[in-house]
Amino acid sequence: MRRFTLVPLMALMLIVLAACGGSSSSSDGEIDPDGSIAVGIVFGPNTLDPHMATSELAAQFFGLWGIYDRLFTVGADGVVKGELVDDWTYSDDGNSLTLKLREDVTFRDDTPLDAAAVKVNLDRARTLESPVIKGRMSVIKDVSVASPYEVVLTLASPVPHVPAILVECAGFIMHPDLVTDGDPATETNGSGPYVLKSFVPGESLTMERDNAHYWDPEAAKIKTITYQTFPDQQAYINAVKSGELDLGRYQASQAKNFAGSSDLNIETIDQGIAVELNFNRDVKPFDNLQVRQAINYAIDRTSIVEAFFPNSTPKTQYYNEGRPGHDPAVGKIWTFDQDRAKDLLADGGFPNGVDLGVINVSSAAPPGLADVVQQQLAAVGIKSSLQTVDAGQISPQFAEGKAGSNIGFTVASTHPYNGAVYRWLVPSFNPAGATPEFSQILGAATSTATPEQQEETYKALDRFVVENAWAAPLVWEGNPWVMSKRVKGFTAEANLSPVLGPLDLRYLSVTKG
């Protein structure tokens, strides 16, 4: 018998606990196994279908992690590890990857989550026309069942990052009946510890613990979790201060709003999220190398970090410190040099300056950031105008290829190869796509290469995109997570990834109060 959770798309009442927010005295209370938590997010997905996500980070954090198990996950050290996958092995030539699955996972109707179920999901993920996932899955050419709990992926080339792809939405495993006969956009049926109770597209999601035989009994210590979107930044700040929310990720510049509060804890986490001025090299004048380089020299990243991003780091390259591919020498290329910027404009045929046209700005960017960037560019003769775009639409809009630039967010991703693909081969962030030279450099990072060879490849790749100024990186943002003192277990040392941030809320708990 198939079991689906049908979700009406009409507005539903949000679960808001009177206990949310708590007081300082509740921080010493006992853990409440029937407790609830309200979580804030700037924007939420309009679909429950993991394969149709436009933002994988938003989709998986916005409840899908609790409803579906994923093939792989990533730990606090940034290293990919198995979740549903017990072990994995590349073939000697690197052209196939064998996944051995856990044998103790079932869906709620007791159907085994086995190799056949994984094949149904991965075949859909790699063939369904989708905003992001199909492109990510293009490296997988075939999926076959070798045994009841063994899956073999045939690859287009010996790439090393397939497990990292399957950390994200492509790796969520739905019940095969939902895939073949249901509507994953409005229904859910997974093996996770939670079931869906309500969903208002783009606004809210509530899920409740309902899996007594879940394979990881410590994963769901909170009974009910409600996610709510807050596109208005001030309303988002007020919600956690008033106790309407128990947990939220805020911008670095907003940390000062919570200083001195005795009822809140703040955990600042470097999670590989960056803010960048992205270029479309197919649109003039961004097709001009000297213009792109001049923009990079014109930006004073240090002053931007000081003004808008406390506890953050200027971004001058694409692999953050401590991660494979990071090269300190590459990070010194983009210094703040207005005279050099002016000289480059003149060399590029714009001695009297240049007009970039409209720069689209994510509504989630700190207020005033784009104005400062605009002023710094104007100081060297680079004119522009600004237009705010909804945070959930800025990347899909950029992918259309008409806009010349935007100020938005990117992530370091789960693997240096995956990061290069995500950053430079996805139209949402780089509509102009790669070049033969880029592809040649990236192609050297195969699964058969030694770790040292792969490291050198990533450094070469980083130098190439920096020297060719494919974008203007601005800052690695240190994000403050603000939470009620009722919330326990949320720390940087827990299962919180430095390359994607918290993928889920597993192992968190709340106290009574």
Protein backbone atom coordinates (compact mmCIF):
# COMPACT_ATOMS: atom_id res chain seq x y z
CA MET A 1 0.00 0.00 0.00
CA ARG A 2 1.37 3.41 -0.98
CA ARG A 3 1.42 6.10 1.65
CA PHE A 4 1.66 9.74 0.59
CA THR A 5 1.35 12.86 2.68
CA LEU A 6 -0.92 15.11 0.64
CA VAL A 7 -0.21 18.81 1.13
CA PRO A 8 -2.89 21.38 0.31
CA LEU A 9 -1.48 24.48 -1.35
CA MET A 10 -3.89 26.78 0.43
CA ALA A 11 -2.58 28.91 3.27
CA LEU A 12 -2.37 26.91 6.48
CA MET A 13 -2.06 28.09 10.05
CA LEU A 14 1.54 28.14 11.25
CA ILE A 15 2.44 26.39 14.45
CA VAL A 16 3.77 29.02 16.81
CA LEU A 17 4.58 27.94 20.32
CA ALA A 18 3.95 30.09 23.31
CA ALA A 19 7.18 28.63 24.64
CA CYS A 20 9.24 29.88 21.71
CA GLY A 21 12.02 32.23 22.71
CA GLY A 22 12.01 31.11 26.29
CA SER A 23 13.74 32.85 29.13
CA SER A 24 17.21 32.49 30.51
CA SER A 25 15.89 30.19 33.21
CA SER A 26 14.75 27.69 30.58
CA SER A 27 18.35 27.19 29.49
CA ASP A 28 18.88 25.00 32.54
CA GLY A 29 15.69 22.95 32.06
CA GLU A 30 15.49 19.32 31.08
CA ILE A 31 15.32 18.23 27.45
CA ASP A 32 11.77 18.12 26.13
CA PRO A 33 11.25 15.11 23.80
CA ASP A 34 7.89 16.57 22.76
CA GLY A 35 9.23 20.08 22.22
CA SER A 36 8.83 22.23 19.17
CA ILE A 37 10.98 24.79 17.43
CA ALA A 38 10.28 27.64 15.00
CA VAL A 39 13.06 28.35 12.47
CA GLY A 40 13.37 31.44 10.29
CA ILE A 41 14.77 31.71 6.78
CA VAL A 42 14.90 34.61 4.33
CA PHE A 43 13.16 32.77 1.51
CA GLY A 44 11.76 29.28 1.06
CA PRO A 45 11.22 27.04 -1.97
CA ASN A 46 7.98 26.98 -3.93
CA THR A 47 8.10 23.22 -4.42
CA LEU A 48 8.73 20.14 -2.29
CA ASP A 49 10.35 18.36 -5.22
CA PRO A 50 14.07 18.10 -4.43
CA HIS A 51 14.91 17.63 -8.10
CA MET A 52 13.19 20.90 -9.07
CA ALA A 53 15.02 23.07 -6.53
CA THR A 54 16.28 26.44 -7.74
CA SER A 55 18.37 26.86 -4.59
CA GLU A 56 19.67 23.56 -3.23
CA LEU A 57 20.83 25.18 0.01
CA ALA A 58 17.39 26.62 0.73
CA ALA A 59 15.50 23.49 -0.33
CA GLN A 60 17.41 21.00 1.78
CA PHE A 61 17.52 23.17 4.89
CA PHE A 62 13.81 24.09 4.55
CA GLY A 63 12.63 20.77 5.94
CA LEU A 64 13.50 18.30 3.20
CA TRP A 65 16.40 16.96 5.26
CA GLY A 66 13.93 15.65 7.85
CA ILE A 67 11.55 14.04 5.36
CA TYR A 68 14.11 12.38 3.09
CA ASP A 69 17.40 10.68 3.83
CA ARG A 70 20.29 11.56 1.52
CA LEU A 71 22.93 9.27 0.08
CA PHE A 72 25.81 11.33 1.46
CA THR A 73 26.29 14.12 3.96
CA VAL A 74 29.19 16.33 5.02
CA GLY A 75 30.64 16.71 8.47
CA ALA A 76 31.92 19.59 10.55
CA ASP A 77 35.36 19.04 9.00
CA GLY A 78 33.94 19.65 5.52
CA VAL A 79 34.60 16.07 4.43
CA VAL A 80 31.92 14.12 2.56
CA LYS A 81 30.74 10.96 4.32
CA GLY A 82 28.02 8.39 3.80
CA GLU A 83 24.49 8.71 5.15
CA LEU A 84 22.49 6.07 3.27
CA VAL A 85 25.72 4.92 1.65
CA ASP A 86 27.78 2.61 3.84
CA ASP A 87 30.80 2.45 1.53
CA TRP A 88 31.76 3.60 -1.96
CA THR A 89 34.51 2.70 -4.43
CA TYR A 90 35.67 4.11 -7.76
CA SER A 91 36.77 1.65 -10.43
CA ASP A 92 40.47 1.60 -11.34
CA ASP A 93 39.83 3.68 -14.47
CA GLY A 94 37.55 6.09 -12.58
CA ASN A 95 34.66 5.58 -15.00
CA SER A 96 32.29 3.99 -12.51
CA LEU A 97 31.38 4.40 -8.87
CA THR A 98 29.91 1.62 -6.74
CA LEU A 99 27.71 2.56 -3.78
CA LYS A 100 27.03 0.03 -1.03
CA LEU A 101 23.90 1.00 0.90
CA ARG A 102 22.86 0.56 4.50
CA GLU A 103 20.54 -2.42 4.82
CA ASP A 104 18.50 -1.19 7.79
CA VAL A 105 16.54 1.66 6.18
CA THR A 106 12.87 1.39 5.19
CA PHE A 107 10.12 3.71 4.12
CA ARG A 108 7.11 4.01 6.41
CA ASP A 109 5.18 1.29 4.64
CA ASP A 110 8.14 -1.04 5.34
CA THR A 111 9.33 -0.95 1.73
CA PRO A 112 13.13 -1.33 1.83
CA LEU A 113 15.19 1.65 0.76
CA ASP A 114 17.35 -0.48 -1.50
CA ALA A 115 19.30 -0.24 -4.73
CA ALA A 116 16.13 -0.37 -6.83
CA ALA A 117 14.71 2.65 -4.98
CA VAL A 118 17.97 4.56 -5.42
CA LYS A 119 18.02 3.80 -9.15
CA VAL A 120 14.48 5.18 -9.59
CA ASN A 121 15.50 8.41 -7.89
CA LEU A 122 18.84 8.90 -9.60
CA ASP A 123 17.42 8.15 -13.03
CA ARG A 124 14.79 10.82 -12.45
CA ALA A 125 17.32 13.33 -11.13
CA ARG A 126 19.59 12.95 -14.16
CA THR A 127 16.85 13.04 -16.81
CA LEU A 128 14.14 15.38 -15.50
CA GLU A 129 14.27 18.85 -17.03
CA SER A 130 15.11 20.96 -14.01
CA PRO A 131 16.69 24.32 -13.08
CA VAL A 132 19.85 22.93 -11.47
CA ILE A 133 19.84 19.19 -10.74
CA LYS A 134 19.93 17.77 -14.28
CA GLY A 135 23.03 19.82 -15.05
CA ARG A 136 24.72 18.59 -11.89
CA MET A 137 23.84 14.98 -12.70
CA SER A 138 25.11 15.08 -16.28
CA VAL A 139 28.29 13.33 -15.11
CA ILE A 140 26.22 10.18 -14.45
CA LYS A 141 25.39 8.35 -17.68
CA ASP A 142 23.76 5.21 -16.28
CA VAL A 143 22.57 3.73 -13.00
CA SER A 144 22.41 -0.04 -12.53
CA VAL A 145 21.51 -2.40 -9.70
CA ALA A 146 24.37 -4.81 -9.00
CA SER A 147 22.73 -6.45 -5.97
CA PRO A 148 19.82 -5.62 -3.65
CA TYR A 149 21.93 -3.04 -1.80
CA GLU A 150 24.58 -2.17 -4.36
CA VAL A 151 24.29 0.52 -7.05
CA VAL A 152 26.77 1.13 -9.85
CA LEU A 153 27.00 4.59 -11.44
CA THR A 154 28.53 4.75 -14.90
CA LEU A 155 30.23 8.10 -15.36
CA ALA A 156 30.80 10.26 -18.42
CA SER A 157 34.40 10.79 -17.29
CA PRO A 158 36.50 9.92 -14.23
CA VAL A 159 35.44 12.91 -12.13
CA PRO A 160 36.15 12.85 -8.37
CA HIS A 161 33.14 14.73 -7.01
CA VAL A 162 30.12 12.47 -7.52
CA PRO A 163 29.60 11.78 -3.78
CA ALA A 164 29.63 15.55 -3.21
CA ILE A 165 26.85 16.00 -5.78
CA LEU A 166 24.78 13.43 -3.90
CA VAL A 167 25.13 15.32 -0.63
CA GLU A 168 22.64 17.83 -1.98
CA CYS A 169 19.16 17.59 -3.47
CA ALA A 170 20.10 14.99 -6.09
CA GLY A 171 20.93 12.61 -3.27
CA PHE A 172 17.56 12.74 -1.50
CA ILE A 173 15.74 9.43 -1.88
CA MET A 174 11.95 9.46 -2.27
CA HIS A 175 9.66 6.44 -2.11
CA PRO A 176 9.60 4.92 -5.63
CA ASP A 177 5.77 5.09 -5.67
CA LEU A 178 5.93 8.84 -5.16
CA VAL A 179 8.33 9.16 -8.06
CA THR A 180 6.30 7.02 -10.45
CA ASP A 181 2.70 7.76 -9.42
CA GLY A 182 2.67 10.80 -7.15
CA ASP A 183 3.40 14.52 -7.29
CA PRO A 184 6.67 15.30 -5.47
CA ALA A 185 5.95 19.02 -5.79
CA THR A 186 3.01 18.80 -3.36
CA GLU A 187 3.40 15.38 -1.71
CA THR A 188 6.12 13.73 0.32
CA ASN A 189 6.97 10.13 1.12
CA GLY A 190 10.42 9.44 2.47
CA SER A 191 12.41 7.43 4.99
CA GLY A 192 13.39 10.38 7.18
CA PRO A 193 12.42 10.83 10.83
CA TYR A 194 9.75 13.46 10.07
CA VAL A 195 6.52 13.65 8.09
CA LEU A 196 5.11 16.76 6.50
CA LYS A 197 2.18 18.40 8.27
CA SER A 198 1.73 21.58 6.23
CA PHE A 199 3.37 23.50 3.41
CA VAL A 200 2.67 26.97 2.02
CA PRO A 201 4.91 27.43 -1.04
CA GLY A 202 7.55 30.06 -0.45
CA GLU A 203 6.22 30.82 3.03
CA SER A 204 6.18 28.01 5.57
CA LEU A 205 6.65 24.32 6.24
CA THR A 206 5.85 22.27 9.33
CA MET A 207 7.01 18.71 9.94
CA GLU A 208 6.50 16.33 12.84
CA ARG A 209 8.50 13.36 14.11
CA ASP A 210 6.77 10.15 13.02
CA ASN A 211 9.15 7.27 12.49
CA ALA A 212 9.55 5.04 15.54
CA HIS A 213 11.80 2.60 13.68
CA TYR A 214 14.14 5.21 12.19
CA TRP A 215 17.67 3.87 11.79
CA ASP A 216 19.25 6.80 13.68
CA PRO A 217 17.29 7.14 16.95
CA GLU A 218 19.19 10.28 18.04
CA ALA A 219 18.48 12.25 14.86
CA ALA A 220 15.07 13.66 15.79
CA LYS A 221 15.09 14.94 19.36
CA ILE A 222 12.63 17.74 18.52
CA LYS A 223 9.06 16.64 17.84
CA THR A 224 7.79 19.49 15.69
CA ILE A 225 9.79 21.86 13.48
CA THR A 226 8.22 24.83 11.71
CA TYR A 227 10.05 26.88 9.09
CA GLN A 228 8.84 30.38 8.27
CA THR A 229 10.18 32.83 5.70
CA PHE A 230 10.95 36.45 6.52
CA PRO A 231 11.83 38.41 3.38
CA ASP A 232 11.69 41.63 5.41
CA GLN A 233 14.96 41.87 7.31
CA GLN A 234 13.66 43.95 10.21
CA ALA A 235 10.71 41.62 10.72
CA TYR A 236 13.15 38.71 10.75
CA ILE A 237 15.24 40.37 13.46
CA ASN A 238 12.19 41.22 15.52
CA ALA A 239 10.83 37.66 15.26
CA VAL A 240 13.72 36.04 17.11
CA LYS A 241 14.00 38.87 19.62
CA SER A 242 10.31 38.60 20.49
CA GLY A 243 10.35 34.81 20.76
CA GLU A 244 8.29 34.15 17.63
CA LEU A 245 11.32 32.28 16.30
CA ASP A 246 13.74 30.00 18.11
CA LEU A 247 16.49 29.94 15.50
CA GLY A 248 17.61 31.89 12.45
CA ARG A 249 20.64 32.65 10.30
CA TYR A 250 21.32 36.35 10.02
CA GLN A 251 23.66 38.58 8.09
CA ALA A 252 26.95 39.50 9.70
CA SER A 253 25.91 43.16 9.89
CA GLN A 254 22.82 42.23 11.91
CA ALA A 255 24.67 40.69 14.86
CA LYS A 256 24.68 44.04 16.65
CA ASN A 257 20.88 43.86 16.91
CA PHE A 258 21.17 40.99 19.39
CA ALA A 259 24.00 42.28 21.56
CA GLY A 260 23.28 42.20 25.26
CA SER A 261 20.23 39.95 25.05
CA SER A 262 20.16 37.56 28.00
CA ASP A 263 17.57 35.30 26.33
CA LEU A 264 19.55 34.55 23.15
CA ASN A 265 22.71 32.74 22.17
CA ILE A 266 24.75 33.64 19.08
CA GLU A 267 26.95 31.18 17.21
CA THR A 268 29.00 32.66 14.35
CA ILE A 269 29.86 30.03 11.76
CA ASP A 270 32.12 30.26 8.72
CA GLN A 271 30.02 28.17 6.35
CA GLY A 272 31.53 28.97 2.97
CA ILE A 273 28.86 31.49 1.96
CA ALA A 274 30.15 34.44 -0.04
CA VAL A 275 28.85 37.65 -1.55
CA GLU A 276 30.05 38.46 -5.05
CA LEU A 277 29.56 40.85 -7.94
CA ASN A 278 28.85 38.33 -10.69
CA PHE A 279 29.56 39.04 -14.36
CA ASN A 280 27.96 37.84 -17.58
CA ARG A 281 30.87 37.91 -20.03
CA ASP A 282 28.46 37.61 -22.95
CA VAL A 283 27.06 41.09 -22.22
CA LYS A 284 28.99 44.31 -22.94
CA PRO A 285 31.11 45.75 -21.39
CA PHE A 286 31.74 42.61 -19.31
CA ASP A 287 33.15 40.92 -22.42
CA ASN A 288 36.18 43.19 -21.98
CA LEU A 289 38.89 41.70 -19.76
CA GLN A 290 40.34 45.06 -18.77
CA VAL A 291 36.92 46.29 -17.62
CA ARG A 292 36.44 43.21 -15.44
CA GLN A 293 39.93 43.60 -14.00
CA ALA A 294 39.38 47.31 -13.38
CA ILE A 295 36.24 46.53 -11.39
CA ASN A 296 38.22 44.19 -9.16
CA TYR A 297 40.93 46.78 -8.50
CA ALA A 298 38.32 49.49 -7.83
CA ILE A 299 36.67 47.66 -4.93
CA ASP A 300 37.91 48.23 -1.39
CA ARG A 301 36.96 44.89 0.13
CA THR A 302 38.43 45.67 3.53
CA SER A 303 36.21 48.71 4.03
CA ILE A 304 33.19 46.72 2.85
CA VAL A 305 33.87 43.98 5.40
CA GLU A 306 34.36 46.54 8.17
CA ALA A 307 31.11 48.31 7.32
CA PHE A 308 28.80 45.39 6.56
CA PHE A 309 30.34 42.05 7.58
CA PRO A 310 31.79 41.87 11.10
CA ASN A 311 33.61 38.61 11.88
CA SER A 312 34.01 38.01 8.14
CA THR A 313 36.89 37.93 5.65
CA PRO A 314 37.49 39.78 2.36
CA LYS A 315 37.13 37.40 -0.56
CA THR A 316 39.74 37.66 -3.30
CA GLN A 317 39.68 34.09 -4.66
CA TYR A 318 37.33 31.11 -4.84
CA TYR A 319 38.72 28.50 -2.46
CA ASN A 320 38.54 29.67 1.13
CA GLU A 321 41.44 29.33 3.54
CA GLY A 322 41.93 25.84 4.89
CA ARG A 323 40.19 24.18 1.94
CA PRO A 324 41.82 22.33 -0.99
CA GLY A 325 42.75 24.72 -3.80
CA HIS A 326 43.42 27.74 -1.62
CA ASP A 327 46.60 29.56 -2.70
CA PRO A 328 47.62 32.63 -0.66
CA ALA A 329 49.51 34.03 -3.66
CA VAL A 330 46.34 34.08 -5.78
CA GLY A 331 44.54 35.89 -2.99
CA LYS A 332 46.97 38.81 -3.30
CA ILE A 333 46.14 39.57 -6.94
CA TRP A 334 43.16 41.86 -6.28
CA THR A 335 44.45 44.72 -4.18
CA PHE A 336 42.56 48.00 -3.82
CA ASP A 337 44.26 50.18 -6.47
CA GLN A 338 42.22 52.97 -8.06
CA ASP A 339 45.04 54.16 -10.30
CA ARG A 340 45.51 50.64 -11.68
CA ALA A 341 41.76 50.45 -12.31
CA LYS A 342 41.81 53.69 -14.30
CA ASP A 343 44.81 52.54 -16.35
CA LEU A 344 43.07 49.27 -17.21
CA LEU A 345 39.96 51.12 -18.36
CA ALA A 346 42.11 53.27 -20.65
CA ASP A 347 43.95 50.21 -21.97
CA GLY A 348 40.61 48.55 -22.63
CA GLY A 349 39.36 51.44 -24.77
CA PHE A 350 37.50 53.42 -22.10
CA PRO A 351 39.76 56.38 -21.18
CA ASN A 352 36.70 58.40 -20.14
CA GLY A 353 35.10 55.66 -18.10
CA VAL A 354 32.45 53.05 -18.81
CA ASP A 355 28.79 52.42 -17.98
CA LEU A 356 27.93 48.92 -16.70
CA GLY A 357 24.19 49.51 -16.98
CA VAL A 358 21.96 47.92 -14.35
CA ILE A 359 23.44 45.85 -11.54
CA ASN A 360 20.76 43.56 -10.09
CA VAL A 361 21.00 43.26 -6.32
CA SER A 362 19.67 40.38 -4.21
CA SER A 363 17.04 41.52 -1.75
CA ALA A 364 18.91 39.46 0.85
CA ALA A 365 22.07 41.59 0.52
CA PRO A 366 22.80 43.95 3.43
CA PRO A 367 21.11 47.33 2.94
CA GLY A 368 23.62 49.85 1.65
CA LEU A 369 26.16 47.32 0.38
CA ALA A 370 25.32 47.82 -3.29
CA ASP A 371 25.40 51.60 -2.86
CA VAL A 372 28.95 51.43 -1.51
CA VAL A 373 30.05 49.16 -4.38
CA GLN A 374 28.44 51.58 -6.82
CA GLN A 375 30.27 54.54 -5.23
CA GLN A 376 33.64 52.77 -5.27
CA LEU A 377 33.23 51.93 -8.94
CA ALA A 378 32.16 55.48 -9.76
CA ALA A 379 35.34 56.80 -8.14
CA VAL A 380 37.38 55.32 -11.03
CA GLY A 381 34.89 56.22 -13.77
CA ILE A 382 32.71 53.10 -13.78
CA LYS A 383 29.05 54.10 -13.81
CA SER A 384 26.11 51.83 -12.93
CA SER A 385 22.54 51.82 -11.69
CA LEU A 386 21.04 49.46 -9.12
CA GLN A 387 17.90 47.34 -9.15
CA THR A 388 16.74 45.14 -6.28
CA VAL A 389 15.58 41.62 -7.22
CA ASP A 390 13.87 39.08 -4.96
CA ALA A 391 16.45 36.76 -3.41
CA GLY A 392 14.66 33.69 -4.73
CA GLN A 393 14.59 34.99 -8.29
CA ILE A 394 17.95 36.63 -8.78
CA SER A 395 19.82 33.45 -9.78
CA PRO A 396 17.13 32.07 -12.15
CA GLN A 397 16.90 35.53 -13.72
CA PHE A 398 20.67 35.71 -14.19
CA ALA A 399 20.61 32.29 -15.83
CA GLU A 400 18.47 33.73 -18.63
CA GLY A 401 21.61 35.48 -19.86
CA LYS A 402 20.19 38.96 -20.40
CA ALA A 403 21.53 40.76 -17.32
CA GLY A 404 25.12 41.94 -17.29
CA SER A 405 25.80 41.60 -13.58
CA ASN A 406 24.34 41.05 -10.13
CA ILE A 407 25.28 41.15 -6.48
CA GLY A 408 24.32 37.84 -4.92
CA PHE A 409 25.38 34.90 -2.79
CA THR A 410 27.47 31.84 -3.68
CA VAL A 411 28.71 28.89 -1.62
CA ALA A 412 32.04 27.07 -1.49
CA SER A 413 30.23 23.76 -2.11
CA THR A 414 30.97 20.29 -0.83
CA HIS A 415 34.11 19.49 -2.85
CA PRO A 416 36.63 21.66 -4.74
CA TYR A 417 35.68 20.05 -8.06
CA ASN A 418 32.00 20.39 -7.28
CA GLY A 419 32.64 23.99 -6.25
CA ALA A 420 34.19 24.75 -9.63
CA VAL A 421 31.25 23.16 -11.44
CA TYR A 422 28.71 24.92 -9.22
CA ARG A 423 30.39 28.31 -9.55
CA TRP A 424 31.40 28.34 -13.20
CA LEU A 425 29.34 25.77 -15.11
CA VAL A 426 25.89 26.65 -13.76
CA PRO A 427 24.15 29.49 -15.68
CA SER A 428 22.62 30.84 -12.46
CA PHE A 429 26.07 32.13 -11.48
CA ASN A 430 28.00 32.23 -14.77
CA PRO A 431 25.70 32.58 -17.80
CA ALA A 432 28.64 32.86 -20.19
CA GLY A 433 29.85 29.39 -19.25
CA ALA A 434 33.34 27.97 -19.38
CA THR A 435 36.10 28.26 -21.98
CA PRO A 436 38.24 25.49 -23.50
CA GLU A 437 41.16 26.50 -21.30
CA PHE A 438 39.03 26.31 -18.17
CA SER A 439 37.73 22.88 -19.19
CA GLN A 440 41.24 21.64 -19.92
CA ILE A 441 42.47 22.67 -16.46
CA LEU A 442 39.44 21.19 -14.69
CA GLY A 443 39.73 17.98 -16.70
CA ALA A 444 43.04 17.17 -15.01
CA ALA A 445 41.30 16.72 -11.64
CA THR A 446 40.18 13.12 -12.21
CA SER A 447 39.36 10.48 -9.64
CA THR A 448 42.51 8.63 -10.77
CA ALA A 449 44.80 11.60 -10.06
CA THR A 450 46.71 11.68 -6.81
CA PRO A 451 45.53 14.07 -4.07
CA GLU A 452 48.61 16.20 -4.74
CA GLN A 453 47.81 16.40 -8.45
CA GLN A 454 44.22 17.33 -7.71
CA GLU A 455 45.36 20.03 -5.30
CA GLU A 456 47.61 21.61 -7.94
CA THR A 457 44.77 21.48 -10.45
CA TYR A 458 42.41 23.37 -8.16
CA LYS A 459 45.06 26.01 -7.50
CA ALA A 460 45.62 26.44 -11.24
CA LEU A 461 41.89 26.71 -11.79
CA ASP A 462 41.55 29.34 -9.09
CA ARG A 463 44.38 31.38 -10.58
CA PHE A 464 42.80 31.18 -14.03
CA VAL A 465 39.39 32.53 -13.00
CA VAL A 466 40.94 35.22 -10.78
CA GLU A 467 43.40 36.49 -13.38
CA ASN A 468 40.66 36.47 -16.03
CA ALA A 469 38.30 38.25 -13.62
CA TRP A 470 35.27 36.11 -14.26
CA ALA A 471 33.63 37.86 -11.30
CA ALA A 472 34.44 40.29 -8.48
CA PRO A 473 34.44 38.37 -5.18
CA LEU A 474 33.65 40.57 -2.18
CA VAL A 475 33.49 38.72 1.14
CA TRP A 476 33.41 35.35 2.87
CA GLU A 477 30.57 35.96 5.27
CA GLY A 478 30.71 34.80 8.87
CA ASN A 479 27.04 34.24 9.60
CA PRO A 480 25.60 34.65 13.10
CA TRP A 481 23.03 32.01 13.99
CA VAL A 482 20.83 33.51 16.69
CA MET A 483 18.79 31.21 18.88
CA SER A 484 16.70 30.92 22.00
CA LYS A 485 18.53 29.48 24.98
CA ARG A 486 16.06 26.60 24.80
CA VAL A 487 17.98 25.32 21.77
CA LYS A 488 20.74 22.84 22.61
CA GLY A 489 23.45 21.29 20.46
CA PHE A 490 23.82 24.00 17.82
CA THR A 491 27.57 24.67 17.63
CA ALA A 492 30.24 24.94 14.99
CA GLU A 493 31.70 21.71 16.33
CA ALA A 494 28.47 19.81 15.70
CA ASN A 495 27.45 18.45 12.31
CA LEU A 496 27.62 21.90 10.70
CA SER A 497 29.47 22.08 7.42
CA PRO A 498 32.04 24.83 6.78
CA VAL A 499 31.26 24.56 3.06
CA LEU A 500 27.45 24.69 3.12
CA GLY A 501 26.45 25.65 6.64
CA PRO A 502 23.96 23.57 8.60
CA LEU A 503 22.52 21.03 6.19
CA ASP A 504 20.01 19.93 8.79
CA LEU A 505 18.96 20.16 12.43
CA ARG A 506 19.76 16.56 13.35
CA TYR A 507 20.73 16.01 16.97
CA LEU A 508 19.47 19.39 18.15
CA SER A 509 17.16 19.44 21.15
CA VAL A 510 15.10 21.94 23.14
CA THR A 511 14.54 22.28 26.85
CA LYS A 512 11.25 22.53 28.63
CA GLY A 513 10.28 26.01 29.68
